[in-house]
Amino acid sequence: MIEQVFRILAVQSWGEFWWVMIGLGGQLLFTARFLVQWIASERAGRSVIPLVFWYFSIGGGLVLFAYAVYRQDPVFILGQSMGVFIYGRNLWLIHAERRRNAAG
């Protein structure tokens, strides 16, 4: 049974297996963010991006960045690092706007 799972996932050790699980977890976070955005938009009847979308984005980006570093994939590393920066910047801007609105 374990040998079949390893073969399906193209891994050769438990260490590789857990890294694939971490990578899949990151992908699930990205899937969750799209589901959250879709549901919020359907409820509002217009396109909206809820705050939790950006938190799922940061979480998924960081997990996938770690996975990419483990896999030593420079294309994936660059792509995820840029995404994490952009998601973080969006959160910064959202919170800065909320602070300005609360102040006056």
PDB file of N, CA and C in Angstrom:
ATOM      1  N   MET A   1       0.825  -1.199   0.000  1.00  0.00           N
ATOM      2  CA  MET A   1       0.000   0.000   0.000  1.00  0.00           C
ATOM      3  C   MET A   1       0.869   1.262   0.000  1.00  0.00           C
ATOM      4  N   ILE A   2       1.832   1.350   0.919  1.00  0.00           N
ATOM      5  CA  ILE A   2       2.709   2.518   1.004  1.00  0.00           C
ATOM      6  C   ILE A   2       3.514   2.665  -0.284  1.00  0.00           C
ATOM      7  N   GLU A   3       3.979   1.552  -0.828  1.00  0.00           N
ATOM      8  CA  GLU A   3       4.749   1.597  -2.070  1.00  0.00           C
ATOM      9  C   GLU A   3       3.918   2.184  -3.202  1.00  0.00           C
ATOM     10  N   GLN A   4       2.623   1.852  -3.247  1.00  0.00           N
ATOM     11  CA  GLN A   4       1.737   2.385  -4.291  1.00  0.00           C
ATOM     12  C   GLN A   4       1.568   3.898  -4.139  1.00  0.00           C
ATOM     13  N   VAL A   5       1.399   4.359  -2.897  1.00  0.00           N
ATOM     14  CA  VAL A   5       1.245   5.795  -2.638  1.00  0.00           C
ATOM     15  C   VAL A   5       2.516   6.518  -3.054  1.00  0.00           C
ATOM     16  N   PHE A   6       3.682   5.979  -2.683  1.00  0.00           N
ATOM     17  CA  PHE A   6       4.957   6.595  -3.060  1.00  0.00           C
ATOM     18  C   PHE A   6       5.087   6.666  -4.576  1.00  0.00           C
ATOM     19  N   ARG A   7       4.680   5.616  -5.263  1.00  0.00           N
ATOM     20  CA  ARG A   7       4.786   5.583  -6.717  1.00  0.00           C
ATOM     21  C   ARG A   7       3.855   6.626  -7.342  1.00  0.00           C
ATOM     22  N   ILE A   8       2.625   6.713  -6.860  1.00  0.00           N
ATOM     23  CA  ILE A   8       1.659   7.685  -7.391  1.00  0.00           C
ATOM     24  C   ILE A   8       2.163   9.106  -7.198  1.00  0.00           C
ATOM     25  N   LEU A   9       2.753   9.390  -6.027  1.00  0.00           N
ATOM     26  CA  LEU A   9       3.241  10.729  -5.717  1.00  0.00           C
ATOM     27  C   LEU A   9       4.660  10.985  -6.237  1.00  0.00           C
ATOM     28  N   ALA A  10       5.276   9.977  -6.828  1.00  0.00           N
ATOM     29  CA  ALA A  10       6.640  10.075  -7.362  1.00  0.00           C
ATOM     30  C   ALA A  10       7.642  10.478  -6.286  1.00  0.00           C
ATOM     31  N   VAL A  11       7.541   9.825  -5.116  1.00  0.00           N
ATOM     32  CA  VAL A  11       8.483  10.063  -4.025  1.00  0.00           C
ATOM     33  C   VAL A  11       9.186   8.761  -3.681  1.00  0.00           C
ATOM     34  N   GLN A  12      10.348   8.905  -3.030  1.00  0.00           N
ATOM     35  CA  GLN A  12      11.122   7.718  -2.683  1.00  0.00           C
ATOM     36  C   GLN A  12      11.420   7.604  -1.198  1.00  0.00           C
ATOM     37  N   SER A  13      10.963   8.587  -0.418  1.00  0.00           N
ATOM     38  CA  SER A  13      11.225   8.531   1.019  1.00  0.00           C
ATOM     39  C   SER A  13      10.103   9.240   1.766  1.00  0.00           C
ATOM     40  N   TRP A  14      10.080   9.039   3.077  1.00  0.00           N
ATOM     41  CA  TRP A  14       9.075   9.723   3.895  1.00  0.00           C
ATOM     42  C   TRP A  14       9.309  11.229   3.899  1.00  0.00           C
ATOM     43  N   GLY A  15      10.566  11.645   3.853  1.00  0.00           N
ATOM     44  CA  GLY A  15      10.863  13.077   3.785  1.00  0.00           C
ATOM     45  C   GLY A  15      10.259  13.706   2.545  1.00  0.00           C
ATOM     46  N   GLU A  16      10.462  13.061   1.401  1.00  0.00           N
ATOM     47  CA  GLU A  16       9.855  13.567   0.165  1.00  0.00           C
ATOM     48  C   GLU A  16       8.333  13.517   0.243  1.00  0.00           C
ATOM     49  N   PHE A  17       7.790  12.467   0.818  1.00  0.00           N
ATOM     50  CA  PHE A  17       6.334  12.349   0.969  1.00  0.00           C
ATOM     51  C   PHE A  17       5.779  13.547   1.739  1.00  0.00           C
ATOM     52  N   TRP A  18       6.410  13.898   2.863  1.00  0.00           N
ATOM     53  CA  TRP A  18       5.896  15.005   3.664  1.00  0.00           C
ATOM     54  C   TRP A  18       6.050  16.339   2.948  1.00  0.00           C
ATOM     55  N   TRP A  19       7.103  16.506   2.165  1.00  0.00           N
ATOM     56  CA  TRP A  19       7.233  17.736   1.386  1.00  0.00           C
ATOM     57  C   TRP A  19       6.152  17.831   0.314  1.00  0.00           C
ATOM     58  N   VAL A  20       5.801  16.712  -0.286  1.00  0.00           N
ATOM     59  CA  VAL A  20       4.694  16.724  -1.250  1.00  0.00           C
ATOM     60  C   VAL A  20       3.386  17.074  -0.521  1.00  0.00           C
ATOM     61  N   MET A  21       3.203  16.574   0.685  1.00  0.00           N
ATOM     62  CA  MET A  21       2.001  16.916   1.466  1.00  0.00           C
ATOM     63  C   MET A  21       1.979  18.417   1.784  1.00  0.00           C
ATOM     64  N   ILE A  22       3.154  18.970   2.112  1.00  0.00           N
ATOM     65  CA  ILE A  22       3.244  20.415   2.376  1.00  0.00           C
ATOM     66  C   ILE A  22       2.889  21.189   1.103  1.00  0.00           C
ATOM     67  N   GLY A  23       3.421  20.778  -0.029  1.00  0.00           N
ATOM     68  CA  GLY A  23       3.102  21.426  -1.295  1.00  0.00           C
ATOM     69  C   GLY A  23       1.616  21.340  -1.615  1.00  0.00           C
ATOM     70  N   LEU A  24       1.018  20.191  -1.383  1.00  0.00           N
ATOM     71  CA  LEU A  24      -0.424  20.048  -1.610  1.00  0.00           C
ATOM     72  C   LEU A  24      -1.221  20.935  -0.659  1.00  0.00           C
ATOM     73  N   GLY A  25      -0.733  21.085   0.566  1.00  0.00           N
ATOM     74  CA  GLY A  25      -1.389  21.989   1.523  1.00  0.00           C
ATOM     75  C   GLY A  25      -1.374  23.422   1.033  1.00  0.00           C
ATOM     76  N   GLY A  26      -0.254  23.848   0.473  1.00  0.00           N
ATOM     77  CA  GLY A  26      -0.172  25.191  -0.108  1.00  0.00           C
ATOM     78  C   GLY A  26      -1.151  25.361  -1.251  1.00  0.00           C
ATOM     79  N   GLN A  27      -1.259  24.342  -2.098  1.00  0.00           N
ATOM     80  CA  GLN A  27      -2.215  24.411  -3.205  1.00  0.00           C
ATOM     81  C   GLN A  27      -3.652  24.473  -2.693  1.00  0.00           C
ATOM     82  N   LEU A  28      -3.940  23.772  -1.612  1.00  0.00           N
ATOM     83  CA  LEU A  28      -5.284  23.829  -1.026  1.00  0.00           C
ATOM     84  C   LEU A  28      -5.605  25.227  -0.506  1.00  0.00           C
ATOM     85  N   LEU A  29      -4.601  25.908   0.064  1.00  0.00           N
ATOM     86  CA  LEU A  29      -4.823  27.290   0.497  1.00  0.00           C
ATOM     87  C   LEU A  29      -5.160  28.187  -0.692  1.00  0.00           C
ATOM     88  N   PHE A  30      -4.471  27.986  -1.803  1.00  0.00           N
ATOM     89  CA  PHE A  30      -4.775  28.776  -2.994  1.00  0.00           C
ATOM     90  C   PHE A  30      -6.177  28.459  -3.509  1.00  0.00           C
ATOM     91  N   THR A  31      -6.558  27.206  -3.481  1.00  0.00           N
ATOM     92  CA  THR A  31      -7.906  26.826  -3.908  1.00  0.00           C
ATOM     93  C   THR A  31      -8.937  27.467  -2.991  1.00  0.00           C
ATOM     94  N   ALA A  32      -8.678  27.463  -1.688  1.00  0.00           N
ATOM     95  CA  ALA A  32      -9.614  28.050  -0.722  1.00  0.00           C
ATOM     96  C   ALA A  32      -9.799  29.537  -0.977  1.00  0.00           C
ATOM     97  N   ARG A  33      -8.733  30.242  -1.347  1.00  0.00           N
ATOM     98  CA  ARG A  33      -8.864  31.677  -1.566  1.00  0.00           C
ATOM     99  C   ARG A  33      -9.776  31.958  -2.746  1.00  0.00           C
ATOM    100  N   PHE A  34      -9.686  31.159  -3.799  1.00  0.00           N
ATOM    101  CA  PHE A  34     -10.569  31.365  -4.946  1.00  0.00           C
ATOM    102  C   PHE A  34     -12.014  31.035  -4.602  1.00  0.00           C
ATOM    103  N   LEU A  35     -12.223  30.000  -3.803  1.00  0.00           N
ATOM    104  CA  LEU A  35     -13.588  29.668  -3.381  1.00  0.00           C
ATOM    105  C   LEU A  35     -14.184  30.780  -2.529  1.00  0.00           C
ATOM    106  N   VAL A  36     -13.394  31.322  -1.611  1.00  0.00           N
ATOM    107  CA  VAL A  36     -13.848  32.423  -0.756  1.00  0.00           C
ATOM    108  C   VAL A  36     -14.210  33.639  -1.606  1.00  0.00           C
ATOM    109  N   GLN A  37     -13.361  33.957  -2.574  1.00  0.00           N
ATOM    110  CA  GLN A  37     -13.610  35.117  -3.435  1.00  0.00           C
ATOM    111  C   GLN A  37     -14.859  34.905  -4.280  1.00  0.00           C
ATOM    112  N   TRP A  38     -15.017  33.729  -4.811  1.00  0.00           N
ATOM    113  CA  TRP A  38     -16.177  33.418  -5.646  1.00  0.00           C
ATOM    114  C   TRP A  38     -17.466  33.519  -4.847  1.00  0.00           C
ATOM    115  N   ILE A  39     -17.495  32.917  -3.665  1.00  0.00           N
ATOM    116  CA  ILE A  39     -18.688  32.946  -2.812  1.00  0.00           C
ATOM    117  C   ILE A  39     -19.022  34.376  -2.400  1.00  0.00           C
ATOM    118  N   ALA A  40     -18.003  35.146  -2.004  1.00  0.00           N
ATOM    119  CA  ALA A  40     -18.240  36.540  -1.600  1.00  0.00           C
ATOM    120  C   ALA A  40     -18.789  37.351  -2.764  1.00  0.00           C
ATOM    121  N   SER A  41     -18.263  37.141  -3.954  1.00  0.00           N
ATOM    122  CA  SER A  41     -18.739  37.873  -5.126  1.00  0.00           C
ATOM    123  C   SER A  41     -20.168  37.483  -5.481  1.00  0.00           C
ATOM    124  N   GLU A  42     -20.472  36.200  -5.415  1.00  0.00           N
ATOM    125  CA  GLU A  42     -21.839  35.754  -5.707  1.00  0.00           C
ATOM    126  C   GLU A  42     -22.833  36.351  -4.716  1.00  0.00           C
ATOM    127  N   ARG A  43     -22.472  36.380  -3.455  1.00  0.00           N
ATOM    128  CA  ARG A  43     -23.362  36.953  -2.438  1.00  0.00           C
ATOM    129  C   ARG A  43     -23.589  38.450  -2.652  1.00  0.00           C
ATOM    130  N   ALA A  44     -22.537  39.148  -3.066  1.00  0.00           N
ATOM    131  CA  ALA A  44     -22.627  40.598  -3.257  1.00  0.00           C
ATOM    132  C   ALA A  44     -23.209  40.972  -4.618  1.00  0.00           C
ATOM    133  N   GLY A  45     -23.201  40.033  -5.548  1.00  0.00           N
ATOM    134  CA  GLY A  45     -23.675  40.326  -6.889  1.00  0.00           C
ATOM    135  C   GLY A  45     -22.698  41.182  -7.686  1.00  0.00           C
ATOM    136  N   ARG A  46     -21.451  41.253  -7.234  1.00  0.00           N
ATOM    137  CA  ARG A  46     -20.391  41.998  -7.911  1.00  0.00           C
ATOM    138  C   ARG A  46     -19.055  41.382  -7.489  1.00  0.00           C
ATOM    139  N   SER A  47     -18.008  41.747  -8.180  1.00  0.00           N
ATOM    140  CA  SER A  47     -16.699  41.190  -7.845  1.00  0.00           C
ATOM    141  C   SER A  47     -16.148  41.845  -6.578  1.00  0.00           C
ATOM    142  N   VAL A  48     -15.853  41.049  -5.586  1.00  0.00           N
ATOM    143  CA  VAL A  48     -15.243  41.534  -4.346  1.00  0.00           C
ATOM    144  C   VAL A  48     -14.078  40.619  -3.971  1.00  0.00           C
ATOM    145  N   ILE A  49     -13.124  41.203  -3.270  1.00  0.00           N
ATOM    146  CA  ILE A  49     -12.004  40.416  -2.760  1.00  0.00           C
ATOM    147  C   ILE A  49     -11.973  40.611  -1.247  1.00  0.00           C
ATOM    148  N   PRO A  50     -12.451  39.614  -0.494  1.00  0.00           N
ATOM    149  CA  PRO A  50     -12.461  39.737   0.968  1.00  0.00           C
ATOM    150  C   PRO A  50     -11.045  39.674   1.549  1.00  0.00           C
ATOM    151  N   LEU A  51     -10.883  40.218   2.729  1.00  0.00           N
ATOM    152  CA  LEU A  51      -9.587  40.248   3.410  1.00  0.00           C
ATOM    153  C   LEU A  51      -8.981  38.851   3.546  1.00  0.00           C
ATOM    154  N   VAL A  52      -9.807  37.856   3.845  1.00  0.00           N
ATOM    155  CA  VAL A  52      -9.300  36.495   4.034  1.00  0.00           C
ATOM    156  C   VAL A  52      -8.652  35.953   2.753  1.00  0.00           C
ATOM    157  N   PHE A  53      -9.056  36.453   1.590  1.00  0.00           N
ATOM    158  CA  PHE A  53      -8.416  36.074   0.324  1.00  0.00           C
ATOM    159  C   PHE A  53      -6.916  36.335   0.391  1.00  0.00           C
ATOM    160  N   TRP A  54      -6.550  37.514   0.921  1.00  0.00           N
ATOM    161  CA  TRP A  54      -5.132  37.876   0.988  1.00  0.00           C
ATOM    162  C   TRP A  54      -4.388  37.046   2.022  1.00  0.00           C
ATOM    163  N   TYR A  55      -5.058  36.678   3.122  1.00  0.00           N
ATOM    164  CA  TYR A  55      -4.408  35.819   4.118  1.00  0.00           C
ATOM    165  C   TYR A  55      -4.181  34.409   3.562  1.00  0.00           C
ATOM    166  N   PHE A  56      -5.171  33.869   2.844  1.00  0.00           N
ATOM    167  CA  PHE A  56      -4.976  32.578   2.188  1.00  0.00           C
ATOM    168  C   PHE A  56      -3.851  32.686   1.150  1.00  0.00           C
ATOM    169  N   SER A  57      -3.779  33.804   0.454  1.00  0.00           N
ATOM    170  CA  SER A  57      -2.730  34.013  -0.547  1.00  0.00           C
ATOM    171  C   SER A  57      -1.350  33.992   0.091  1.00  0.00           C
ATOM    172  N   ILE A  58      -1.194  34.727   1.193  1.00  0.00           N
ATOM    173  CA  ILE A  58       0.104  34.741   1.909  1.00  0.00           C
ATOM    174  C   ILE A  58       0.442  33.341   2.418  1.00  0.00           C
ATOM    175  N   GLY A  59      -0.531  32.678   3.036  1.00  0.00           N
ATOM    176  CA  GLY A  59      -0.287  31.330   3.559  1.00  0.00           C
ATOM    177  C   GLY A  59       0.113  30.360   2.462  1.00  0.00           C
ATOM    178  N   GLY A  60      -0.666  30.339   1.391  1.00  0.00           N
ATOM    179  CA  GLY A  60      -0.346  29.452   0.281  1.00  0.00           C
ATOM    180  C   GLY A  60       0.993  29.797  -0.349  1.00  0.00           C
ATOM    181  N   GLY A  61       1.266  31.089  -0.518  1.00  0.00           N
ATOM    182  CA  GLY A  61       2.528  31.519  -1.113  1.00  0.00           C
ATOM    183  C   GLY A  61       3.733  31.116  -0.286  1.00  0.00           C
ATOM    184  N   LEU A  62       3.643  31.290   1.033  1.00  0.00           N
ATOM    185  CA  LEU A  62       4.762  30.924   1.905  1.00  0.00           C
ATOM    186  C   LEU A  62       4.990  29.413   1.922  1.00  0.00           C
ATOM    187  N   VAL A  63       3.905  28.656   1.992  1.00  0.00           N
ATOM    188  CA  VAL A  63       4.039  27.194   2.004  1.00  0.00           C
ATOM    189  C   VAL A  63       4.618  26.717   0.671  1.00  0.00           C
ATOM    190  N   LEU A  64       4.111  27.241  -0.430  1.00  0.00           N
ATOM    191  CA  LEU A  64       4.630  26.830  -1.735  1.00  0.00           C
ATOM    192  C   LEU A  64       6.056  27.330  -1.970  1.00  0.00           C
ATOM    193  N   PHE A  65       6.405  28.490  -1.396  1.00  0.00           N
ATOM    194  CA  PHE A  65       7.786  28.962  -1.481  1.00  0.00           C
ATOM    195  C   PHE A  65       8.717  27.971  -0.773  1.00  0.00           C
ATOM    196  N   ALA A  66       8.336  27.524   0.425  1.00  0.00           N
ATOM    197  CA  ALA A  66       9.149  26.542   1.153  1.00  0.00           C
ATOM    198  C   ALA A  66       9.284  25.253   0.345  1.00  0.00           C
ATOM    199  N   TYR A  67       8.193  24.826  -0.250  1.00  0.00           N
ATOM    200  CA  TYR A  67       8.215  23.621  -1.084  1.00  0.00           C
ATOM    201  C   TYR A  67       9.146  23.816  -2.280  1.00  0.00           C
ATOM    202  N   ALA A  68       9.077  24.980  -2.924  1.00  0.00           N
ATOM    203  CA  ALA A  68       9.924  25.269  -4.082  1.00  0.00           C
ATOM    204  C   ALA A  68      11.404  25.285  -3.697  1.00  0.00           C
ATOM    205  N   VAL A  69      11.711  25.828  -2.523  1.00  0.00           N
ATOM    206  CA  VAL A  69      13.104  25.837  -2.046  1.00  0.00           C
ATOM    207  C   VAL A  69      13.567  24.402  -1.822  1.00  0.00           C
ATOM    208  N   TYR A  70      12.718  23.590  -1.196  1.00  0.00           N
ATOM    209  CA  TYR A  70      13.075  22.188  -0.989  1.00  0.00           C
ATOM    210  C   TYR A  70      13.337  21.491  -2.323  1.00  0.00           C
ATOM    211  N   ARG A  71      12.490  21.755  -3.320  1.00  0.00           N
ATOM    212  CA  ARG A  71      12.626  21.131  -4.637  1.00  0.00           C
ATOM    213  C   ARG A  71      13.735  21.785  -5.463  1.00  0.00           C
ATOM    214  N   GLN A  72      14.278  22.903  -4.978  1.00  0.00           N
ATOM    215  CA  GLN A  72      15.342  23.647  -5.655  1.00  0.00           C
ATOM    216  C   GLN A  72      14.927  24.029  -7.079  1.00  0.00           C
ATOM    217  N   ASP A  73      13.733  24.591  -7.177  1.00  0.00           N
ATOM    218  CA  ASP A  73      13.172  24.993  -8.465  1.00  0.00           C
ATOM    219  C   ASP A  73      13.217  26.514  -8.570  1.00  0.00           C
ATOM    220  N   PRO A  74      14.212  27.079  -9.286  1.00  0.00           N
ATOM    221  CA  PRO A  74      14.382  28.532  -9.315  1.00  0.00           C
ATOM    222  C   PRO A  74      13.187  29.281  -9.919  1.00  0.00           C
ATOM    223  N   VAL A  75      12.513  28.690 -10.907  1.00  0.00           N
ATOM    224  CA  VAL A  75      11.354  29.346 -11.509  1.00  0.00           C
ATOM    225  C   VAL A  75      10.224  29.452 -10.489  1.00  0.00           C
ATOM    226  N   PHE A  76       9.951  28.375  -9.797  1.00  0.00           N
ATOM    227  CA  PHE A  76       8.910  28.319  -8.781  1.00  0.00           C
ATOM    228  C   PHE A  76       9.268  29.231  -7.604  1.00  0.00           C
ATOM    229  N   ILE A  77      10.543  29.243  -7.203  1.00  0.00           N
ATOM    230  CA  ILE A  77      11.001  30.104  -6.100  1.00  0.00           C
ATOM    231  C   ILE A  77      10.760  31.569  -6.447  1.00  0.00           C
ATOM    232  N   LEU A  78      11.162  31.984  -7.641  1.00  0.00           N
ATOM    233  CA  LEU A  78      10.974  33.370  -8.059  1.00  0.00           C
ATOM    234  C   LEU A  78       9.494  33.727  -8.112  1.00  0.00           C
ATOM    235  N   GLY A  79       8.695  32.872  -8.707  1.00  0.00           N
ATOM    236  CA  GLY A  79       7.261  33.132  -8.823  1.00  0.00           C
ATOM    237  C   GLY A  79       6.576  33.274  -7.480  1.00  0.00           C
ATOM    238  N   GLN A  80       6.879  32.385  -6.553  1.00  0.00           N
ATOM    239  CA  GLN A  80       6.238  32.447  -5.236  1.00  0.00           C
ATOM    240  C   GLN A  80       6.741  33.616  -4.411  1.00  0.00           C
ATOM    241  N   SER A  81       8.033  33.937  -4.514  1.00  0.00           N
ATOM    242  CA  SER A  81       8.552  35.053  -3.720  1.00  0.00           C
ATOM    243  C   SER A  81       7.926  36.369  -4.172  1.00  0.00           C
ATOM    244  N   MET A  82       7.734  36.546  -5.467  1.00  0.00           N
ATOM    245  CA  MET A  82       7.090  37.762  -5.969  1.00  0.00           C
ATOM    246  C   MET A  82       5.642  37.826  -5.502  1.00  0.00           C
ATOM    247  N   GLY A  83       4.950  36.696  -5.560  1.00  0.00           N
ATOM    248  CA  GLY A  83       3.559  36.658  -5.120  1.00  0.00           C
ATOM    249  C   GLY A  83       3.423  37.017  -3.654  1.00  0.00           C
ATOM    250  N   VAL A  84       4.268  36.444  -2.809  1.00  0.00           N
ATOM    251  CA  VAL A  84       4.206  36.720  -1.368  1.00  0.00           C
ATOM    252  C   VAL A  84       4.418  38.206  -1.110  1.00  0.00           C
ATOM    253  N   PHE A  85       5.346  38.824  -1.830  1.00  0.00           N
ATOM    254  CA  PHE A  85       5.577  40.266  -1.686  1.00  0.00           C
ATOM    255  C   PHE A  85       4.305  41.045  -2.033  1.00  0.00           C
ATOM    256  N   ILE A  86       3.676  40.709  -3.153  1.00  0.00           N
ATOM    257  CA  ILE A  86       2.475  41.416  -3.606  1.00  0.00           C
ATOM    258  C   ILE A  86       1.322  41.207  -2.629  1.00  0.00           C
ATOM    259  N   TYR A  87       1.131  39.986  -2.138  1.00  0.00           N
ATOM    260  CA  TYR A  87       0.047  39.728  -1.181  1.00  0.00           C
ATOM    261  C   TYR A  87       0.270  40.516   0.103  1.00  0.00           C
ATOM    262  N   GLY A  88       1.522  40.528   0.566  1.00  0.00           N
ATOM    263  CA  GLY A  88       1.850  41.293   1.771  1.00  0.00           C
ATOM    264  C   GLY A  88       1.607  42.783   1.580  1.00  0.00           C
ATOM    265  N   ARG A  89       1.976  43.293   0.429  1.00  0.00           N
ATOM    266  CA  ARG A  89       1.756  44.713   0.141  1.00  0.00           C
ATOM    267  C   ARG A  89       0.263  45.041   0.128  1.00  0.00           C
ATOM    268  N   ASN A  90      -0.549  44.179  -0.453  1.00  0.00           N
ATOM    269  CA  ASN A  90      -1.990  44.403  -0.455  1.00  0.00           C
ATOM    270  C   ASN A  90      -2.541  44.433   0.965  1.00  0.00           C
ATOM    271  N   LEU A  91      -2.095  43.518   1.813  1.00  0.00           N
ATOM    272  CA  LEU A  91      -2.540  43.529   3.208  1.00  0.00           C
ATOM    273  C   LEU A  91      -2.104  44.811   3.904  1.00  0.00           C
ATOM    274  N   TRP A  92      -0.877  45.242   3.646  1.00  0.00           N
ATOM    275  CA  TRP A  92      -0.371  46.490   4.235  1.00  0.00           C
ATOM    276  C   TRP A  92      -1.273  47.661   3.832  1.00  0.00           C
ATOM    277  N   LEU A  93      -1.586  47.765   2.547  1.00  0.00           N
ATOM    278  CA  LEU A  93      -2.428  48.857   2.048  1.00  0.00           C
ATOM    279  C   LEU A  93      -3.837  48.810   2.646  1.00  0.00           C
ATOM    280  N   ILE A  94      -4.392  47.621   2.768  1.00  0.00           N
ATOM    281  CA  ILE A  94      -5.732  47.474   3.352  1.00  0.00           C
ATOM    282  C   ILE A  94      -5.733  47.940   4.798  1.00  0.00           C
ATOM    283  N   HIS A  95      -4.743  47.493   5.575  1.00  0.00           N
ATOM    284  CA  HIS A  95      -4.696  47.869   6.989  1.00  0.00           C
ATOM    285  C   HIS A  95      -4.363  49.352   7.160  1.00  0.00           C
ATOM    286  N   ALA A  96      -3.519  49.915   6.292  1.00  0.00           N
ATOM    287  CA  ALA A  96      -3.203  51.348   6.353  1.00  0.00           C
ATOM    288  C   ALA A  96      -4.469  52.171   6.079  1.00  0.00           C
ATOM    289  N   GLU A  97      -5.257  51.755   5.109  1.00  0.00           N
ATOM    290  CA  GLU A  97      -6.497  52.461   4.799  1.00  0.00           C
ATOM    291  C   GLU A  97      -7.476  52.385   5.971  1.00  0.00           C
ATOM    292  N   ARG A  98      -7.553  51.224   6.598  1.00  0.00           N
ATOM    293  CA  ARG A  98      -8.443  51.077   7.759  1.00  0.00           C
ATOM    294  C   ARG A  98      -8.000  51.970   8.918  1.00  0.00           C
ATOM    295  N   ARG A  99      -6.680  52.078   9.117  1.00  0.00           N
ATOM    296  CA  ARG A  99      -6.179  52.967  10.170  1.00  0.00           C
ATOM    297  C   ARG A  99      -6.518  54.432   9.874  1.00  0.00           C
ATOM    298  N   ARG A 100      -6.347  54.841   8.607  1.00  0.00           N
ATOM    299  CA  ARG A 100      -6.691  56.221   8.210  1.00  0.00           C
ATOM    300  C   ARG A 100      -8.177  56.477   8.409  1.00  0.00           C
ATOM    301  N   ASN A 101      -9.013  55.545   8.007  1.00  0.00           N
ATOM    302  CA  ASN A 101     -10.463  55.720   8.162  1.00  0.00           C
ATOM    303  C   ASN A 101     -10.871  55.773   9.624  1.00  0.00           C
ATOM    304  N   ALA A 102     -10.212  54.987  10.470  1.00  0.00           N
ATOM    305  CA  ALA A 102     -10.538  54.972  11.888  1.00  0.00           C
ATOM    306  C   ALA A 102     -10.082  56.285  12.565  1.00  0.00           C
ATOM    307  N   ALA A 103      -8.989  56.869  12.028  1.00  0.00           N
ATOM    308  CA  ALA A 103      -8.453  58.091  12.625  1.00  0.00           C
ATOM    309  C   ALA A 103      -9.239  59.338  12.218  1.00  0.00           C
ATOM    310  N   GLY A 104      -9.945  59.276  11.144  1.00  0.00           N
ATOM    311  CA  GLY A 104     -10.617  60.505  10.797  1.00  0.00           C
ATOM    312  C   GLY A 104     -11.518  60.370   9.644  1.00  0.00           C
TER     313      GLY A 104
END
